[in-house]
Protein backbone atom coordinates (compact mmCIF):
# COMPACT_ATOMS: atom_id res chain seq x y z
CA MET A 1 -24.50 -17.79 -23.30
CA ASN A 2 -28.11 -16.65 -23.22
CA PRO A 3 -28.05 -12.81 -23.14
CA HIS A 4 -31.46 -12.85 -21.44
CA ASP A 5 -30.45 -15.25 -18.68
CA PRO A 6 -30.92 -13.28 -15.40
CA ILE A 7 -27.80 -14.86 -13.89
CA GLU A 8 -25.67 -13.80 -16.85
CA LEU A 9 -27.18 -10.30 -16.82
CA TYR A 10 -26.33 -10.03 -13.12
CA ILE A 11 -22.78 -11.34 -13.73
CA ALA A 12 -22.28 -8.84 -16.57
CA ARG A 13 -23.28 -5.96 -14.29
CA LEU A 14 -20.99 -7.28 -11.56
CA ARG A 15 -18.05 -7.60 -13.97
CA LYS A 16 -18.58 -4.03 -15.21
CA SER A 17 -18.61 -2.77 -11.60
CA LEU A 18 -15.13 -4.16 -10.79
CA PRO A 19 -12.84 -1.84 -12.78
CA GLY A 20 -10.03 -1.76 -10.22
CA PHE A 21 -9.28 -5.49 -10.39
CA SER A 22 -7.06 -7.39 -12.76
CA VAL A 23 -8.76 -9.59 -15.37
CA GLY A 24 -7.86 -12.72 -13.39
CA GLU A 25 -9.17 -11.31 -10.09
CA ARG A 26 -12.34 -10.10 -11.75
CA GLU A 27 -13.03 -13.50 -13.34
CA ASP A 28 -12.37 -15.28 -10.03
CA ILE A 29 -14.95 -13.05 -8.35
CA VAL A 30 -17.64 -13.47 -11.00
CA GLU A 31 -17.14 -17.24 -11.13
CA GLU A 32 -17.40 -17.43 -7.35
CA ILE A 33 -20.65 -15.45 -7.41
CA ARG A 34 -22.06 -17.46 -10.34
CA ALA A 35 -21.36 -20.73 -8.47
CA HIS A 36 -22.92 -19.28 -5.32
CA ILE A 37 -26.11 -18.31 -7.19
CA VAL A 38 -26.42 -21.69 -8.91
CA ASP A 39 -25.81 -23.59 -5.63
CA ARG A 40 -28.27 -21.40 -3.73
CA VAL A 41 -31.00 -21.94 -6.31
CA ALA A 42 -30.41 -25.71 -6.29
CA ASP A 43 -30.27 -26.04 -2.47
CA SER A 44 -32.86 -23.54 -1.25
CA GLY A 45 -35.71 -24.05 -3.66
CA LEU A 46 -35.76 -20.30 -4.38
CA THR A 47 -36.15 -19.04 -7.91
CA VAL A 48 -33.21 -17.33 -9.63
CA GLU A 49 -34.96 -13.96 -9.27
CA GLU A 50 -35.51 -14.47 -5.52
CA THR A 51 -31.89 -15.52 -5.05
CA LEU A 52 -30.60 -12.46 -6.93
CA ALA A 53 -32.91 -10.20 -4.92
CA ARG A 54 -31.49 -11.58 -1.67
CA LEU A 55 -27.95 -11.20 -2.97
CA GLY A 56 -28.59 -7.52 -3.61
CA PRO A 57 -27.68 -5.25 -6.55
CA ALA A 58 -24.53 -6.27 -8.43
CA GLU A 59 -23.13 -2.76 -7.98
CA GLU A 60 -23.43 -2.99 -4.18
CA LEU A 61 -21.82 -6.43 -4.16
CA ALA A 62 -18.94 -5.02 -6.23
CA LYS A 63 -18.47 -2.25 -3.66
CA ASP A 64 -18.06 -4.89 -0.95
CA TYR A 65 -15.33 -6.59 -2.97
CA GLN A 66 -13.63 -3.23 -3.61
CA SER A 67 -13.78 -2.38 0.09
CA GLY A 68 -12.20 -5.72 0.95
CA ALA A 69 -9.42 -5.23 -1.62
CA LEU A 70 -8.71 -1.70 -0.40
CA VAL A 71 -8.58 -2.83 3.23
CA ARG A 72 -6.17 -5.66 2.35
CA ARG A 73 -3.93 -3.06 0.68
CA ALA A 74 -4.20 -0.64 3.58
CA ARG A 75 -3.38 -3.33 6.16
CA HIS A 76 0.12 -3.59 4.67
CA SER A 77 0.63 0.08 3.86
CA PHE A 78 2.03 3.04 5.78
CA SER A 79 0.52 5.52 3.33
CA PRO A 80 -1.97 7.80 5.13
CA TRP A 81 -3.73 8.40 1.80
CA ILE A 82 -4.41 4.69 1.20
CA ILE A 83 -5.49 4.21 4.83
CA LEU A 84 -7.85 7.21 4.65
CA LYS A 85 -9.36 5.90 1.40
CA ALA A 86 -9.92 2.49 2.99
CA THR A 87 -11.44 3.90 6.18
CA PHE A 88 -13.64 6.29 4.18
CA ARG A 89 -15.03 3.36 2.18
CA TRP A 90 -15.73 1.46 5.41
CA ALA A 91 -17.32 4.60 6.90
CA MET A 92 -20.05 4.23 4.30
CA THR A 93 -20.95 0.77 5.67
CA GLY A 94 -21.92 1.62 9.25
CA VAL A 95 -21.17 3.21 12.60
CA HIS A 96 -18.06 1.14 13.30
CA GLY A 97 -16.52 2.11 9.98
CA LEU A 98 -17.36 5.76 10.61
CA GLY A 99 -15.69 5.58 14.01
CA VAL A 100 -12.45 4.18 12.55
CA PHE A 101 -12.51 6.81 9.80
CA LEU A 102 -12.85 9.60 12.39
CA VAL A 103 -9.96 8.15 14.41
CA ALA A 104 -7.78 8.20 11.27
CA VAL A 105 -8.81 11.74 10.29
CA CYS A 106 -8.24 13.15 13.81
CA GLY A 107 -4.87 11.42 14.19
CA TYR A 108 -3.55 12.55 10.81
CA LEU A 109 -4.89 16.11 11.23
CA MET A 110 -3.23 16.47 14.62
CA GLY A 111 0.02 15.07 13.23
CA THR A 112 -0.15 17.48 10.28
CA ALA A 113 -0.84 20.42 12.61
CA PHE A 114 2.23 19.65 14.72
CA ILE A 115 4.46 19.28 11.66
CA VAL A 116 3.20 22.53 10.09
CA CYS A 117 3.64 24.44 13.35
CA GLY A 118 7.15 23.04 13.76
CA ALA A 119 8.09 24.00 10.21
CA LEU A 120 6.71 27.55 10.61
CA LYS A 121 8.30 28.23 14.00
CA PRO A 122 11.50 29.75 12.51
CA LEU A 123 9.38 32.13 10.41
CA LEU A 124 7.00 33.13 13.24
CA PRO A 125 9.05 32.65 16.42
CA ASP A 126 6.85 34.91 18.57
CA GLN A 127 3.52 33.48 17.41
CA ILE A 128 4.12 29.70 17.41
CA GLY A 129 5.24 27.65 20.39
CA LEU A 130 4.37 26.23 23.79
CA TRP A 131 3.17 28.85 26.25
CA ILE A 132 3.07 28.18 29.97
CA GLY A 133 1.95 30.62 32.61
CA ARG A 134 -0.44 30.93 35.50
CA ASP A 135 -3.56 28.97 34.45
CA VAL A 136 -2.16 28.87 30.90
CA PHE A 137 -0.94 25.89 28.90
CA GLU A 138 -1.25 26.43 25.16
CA VAL A 139 0.50 25.06 22.13
CA GLY A 140 0.36 26.04 18.47
CA TYR A 141 -0.19 29.25 16.57
CA ARG A 142 -1.37 32.33 18.44
CA PRO A 143 -1.14 35.74 16.70
CA GLY A 144 0.54 38.11 19.11
CA GLY A 145 1.52 35.30 21.46
CA VAL A 146 -0.30 34.55 24.73
CA ALA A 147 -0.76 37.21 27.39
CA GLU A 148 0.68 36.42 30.83
CA ALA A 149 2.51 33.35 29.54
CA GLN A 150 6.01 32.58 28.36
CA GLU A 151 7.01 30.52 25.34
CA VAL A 152 9.23 27.88 26.95
CA LEU A 153 10.70 25.78 24.13
CA GLY A 154 12.18 28.42 21.87
CA PRO A 155 13.97 26.92 18.83
CA TRP A 156 13.56 23.41 20.30
CA PHE A 157 9.86 23.66 19.48
CA THR A 158 10.58 22.86 15.80
CA GLN A 159 12.25 19.51 16.48
CA ILE A 160 9.77 18.51 19.20
CA ALA A 161 6.66 19.46 17.20
CA ILE A 162 7.83 17.70 14.03
CA GLY A 163 8.81 14.65 16.07
CA LEU A 164 5.39 14.57 17.76
CA GLY A 165 3.68 14.99 14.39
CA LEU A 166 5.56 12.05 12.89
CA LEU A 167 4.87 9.98 16.00
CA LEU A 168 1.14 10.72 15.67
CA PHE A 169 1.22 9.62 12.03
CA ILE A 170 2.89 6.33 12.99
CA LEU A 171 0.60 5.65 15.97
CA THR A 172 -2.54 6.49 13.99
CA THR A 173 -1.47 4.20 11.15
CA MET A 174 -0.69 1.33 13.54
CA LEU A 175 -3.99 1.76 15.41
CA VAL A 176 -6.12 1.87 12.26
CA ARG A 177 -4.32 -1.12 10.77
CA LYS A 178 -5.09 -3.02 13.99
CA LEU A 179 -8.76 -2.06 13.74
CA PHE A 180 -9.21 -3.26 10.14
CA PRO A 181 -9.70 -6.96 11.11
CA LYS A 182 -12.31 -5.87 13.67
CA LEU A 183 -14.13 -3.96 10.92
CA ARG A 184 -14.30 -7.10 8.84
CA ASN A 185 -15.65 -9.05 11.84
CA TRP A 186 -18.26 -6.37 12.60
CA ARG A 187 -19.34 -6.32 8.95
CA ALA A 188 -19.47 -10.12 8.80
CA SER A 189 -21.63 -10.20 11.95
CA ALA A 190 -23.98 -7.57 10.50
CA THR A 191 -24.21 -9.46 7.19
CA ALA A 192 -24.91 -12.74 9.00
CA ALA A 193 -27.65 -11.09 11.04
CA THR A 194 -29.21 -9.61 7.89
CA THR A 195 -29.03 -12.95 6.06
CA SER A 196 -30.63 -14.70 9.02
CA ALA A 197 -33.45 -12.17 9.10
CA LEU A 198 -34.01 -12.56 5.35
CA ASN A 199 -34.13 -16.32 5.67
CA ARG A 200 -36.75 -16.09 8.40
CA ALA A 201 -38.86 -13.68 6.35
C-alpha cells in the first residue's frame, strides 16, 4: 500500500473516524467507499482529487454512517436515551431532523413532568394537582394552590399523572420511530439534489 496514495490516505482517515463500529463493519464500510471512489474515477473521467472533493471530508462521511447506525438502533429500541441521541444527531443535518428532535424532547419532557408531579403529590397534596374553577383549568405544581379553584382529583392524581406520563413516553417513542424512515428519505432527497447540483457545476 502506497502511504502517499490519496485514496489510501482518505480511507485511513475514514477508518479512524468510525470508532463505534466493529472491525468487520468498519472494514465493510471502507471497502465500499474505496470501490465507490475507484469506480467513480474510472467512469466519470474525474481525477482522484476531484472525486474525493465531491465525496466530502472523510470525517463527515463517517458521521453519516454513525447517524445511520444510531437510527437503525433507535428504530428497534424503546429507550428514550437512545432515541434522543439518534434524533439529536439527525438534528445536526437539517430542519427536518431538528423538528423530529424537538418532538422527542417535548414529548419526553411532558411525560417526565407528569410522572414527577404524580410522584410528589403525596408529599405536597395542597400544591400539586388538577384545579378546576370558574375560568380556571390548571394542572401541575402551584405553590399555595390556585385561588378560586378546587383540586378535583385528590389522591387519584398520582395514578392518573403517572399513567399519563408513561403514555406520553410510549406515544412519543412510537411517533419518533415512525418518523425515522422519513428522515432517511428527506436526507436521501437532499443528498441527491446536492449531488445533481455538483454534477452540473
